[in-house]
């Protein structure tokens, strides 16, 4: 991994770590906040590879309000978000 990739990954995970319970951010919003507005696919790859339960990657969703993927399964992502009070689009 290149040094810049590692720095970007740390930025992304730090942003995701601070998403409050009951809230979500889109992959695009996280990319913008991390300083690379067009790197939303990279954000998806980063959160998809994260298995640290302290980093709430389930709170990152698609810009259109759909869930997107989750490394523990979309059904698990849906259940966690519903439990946290997030309203999910079909």
Protein backbone atom coordinates (compact mmCIF):
# COMPACT_ATOMS: atom_id res chain seq x y z
CA UNK A 1 0.00 0.00 0.00
CA UNK A 2 1.28 3.43 -0.91
CA UNK A 3 1.81 5.99 1.83
CA UNK A 4 -0.94 8.26 0.45
CA UNK A 5 -3.37 5.31 0.32
CA UNK A 6 -2.66 4.51 3.97
CA UNK A 7 -3.18 8.14 4.95
CA UNK A 8 -6.47 8.28 3.05
CA UNK A 9 -7.61 5.01 4.66
CA UNK A 10 -6.87 6.38 8.13
CA UNK A 11 -8.79 9.56 7.33
CA UNK A 12 -11.79 7.57 6.10
CA UNK A 13 -11.87 5.30 9.14
CA UNK A 14 -11.51 8.28 11.49
CA UNK A 15 -14.48 10.00 9.82
CA UNK A 16 -16.57 6.84 9.96
CA UNK A 17 -15.61 6.30 13.61
CA UNK A 18 -17.22 9.66 14.43
CA UNK A 19 -20.57 9.08 12.69
CA UNK A 20 -23.07 9.24 15.57
CA UNK A 21 -25.50 6.45 16.37
CA UNK A 22 -28.72 6.93 14.40
CA UNK A 23 -26.94 8.91 11.66
CA UNK A 24 -25.45 8.00 8.32
CA UNK A 25 -23.11 9.47 5.74
CA UNK A 26 -22.88 8.53 2.09
CA UNK A 27 -19.73 7.07 0.58
CA UNK A 28 -19.46 10.34 -1.38
CA UNK A 29 -19.78 12.50 1.75
CA UNK A 30 -17.06 10.51 3.48
CA UNK A 31 -14.80 10.88 0.42
CA UNK A 32 -15.40 14.65 0.41
CA UNK A 33 -14.70 14.92 4.13
CA UNK A 34 -11.50 12.90 3.67
CA UNK A 35 -10.28 15.34 1.03
CA UNK A 36 -10.87 13.30 -2.13
CA UNK A 37 -14.40 14.05 -3.40
CA UNK A 38 -14.23 11.58 -6.29
CA UNK A 39 -12.86 8.67 -4.22
CA UNK A 40 -16.24 7.30 -3.09
CA UNK A 41 -15.47 3.85 -4.53
CA UNK A 42 -12.23 3.80 -2.56
CA UNK A 43 -14.27 4.64 0.55
CA UNK A 44 -16.46 1.61 -0.21
CA UNK A 45 -13.40 -0.60 -0.50
CA UNK A 46 -11.92 0.72 2.72
CA UNK A 47 -15.05 0.25 4.82
CA UNK A 48 -15.69 -3.11 3.15
CA UNK A 49 -12.36 -4.43 4.39
CA UNK A 50 -12.78 -3.11 7.92
CA UNK A 51 -13.81 -5.65 10.57
CA UNK A 52 -13.06 -3.49 13.62
CA UNK A 53 -16.36 -3.43 15.55
CA UNK A 54 -15.45 -0.04 17.05
CA UNK A 55 -15.67 1.60 13.60
CA UNK A 56 -19.36 1.72 12.56
CA UNK A 57 -18.98 1.09 8.83
CA UNK A 58 -22.66 0.10 8.68
CA UNK A 59 -23.45 3.83 8.92
CA UNK A 60 -22.03 4.51 5.45
CA UNK A 61 -24.69 4.23 2.76
CA UNK A 62 -25.25 5.16 -0.89
CA UNK A 63 -26.03 8.75 -1.90
CA UNK A 64 -29.53 7.74 -3.00
CA UNK A 65 -30.34 6.43 0.49
CA UNK A 66 -29.98 2.76 -0.38
CA UNK A 67 -27.93 0.59 1.94
CA UNK A 68 -25.11 -0.50 -0.30
CA UNK A 69 -22.97 -3.44 0.71
CA UNK A 70 -21.67 -4.52 4.12
CA UNK A 71 -18.97 -7.05 4.93
CA UNK A 72 -21.26 -8.88 7.38
CA UNK A 73 -24.20 -8.93 4.95
CA UNK A 74 -26.79 -6.39 3.88
CA UNK A 75 -29.42 -7.91 6.20
CA UNK A 76 -27.15 -7.34 9.20
CA UNK A 77 -26.51 -3.76 8.08
CA UNK A 78 -30.27 -3.15 7.75
CA UNK A 79 -30.98 -4.64 11.19
CA UNK A 80 -28.28 -2.58 12.93
CA UNK A 81 -29.41 0.67 11.29
CA UNK A 82 -33.05 0.01 12.14
CA UNK A 83 -32.09 -0.72 15.75
CA UNK A 84 -30.26 2.62 15.81
CA UNK A 85 -33.37 4.43 14.53
CA UNK A 86 -32.28 5.11 10.95
CA UNK A 87 -35.12 5.27 8.42
CA UNK A 88 -34.14 3.18 5.41
CA UNK A 89 -35.37 3.63 1.84
CA UNK A 90 -36.45 0.51 0.01
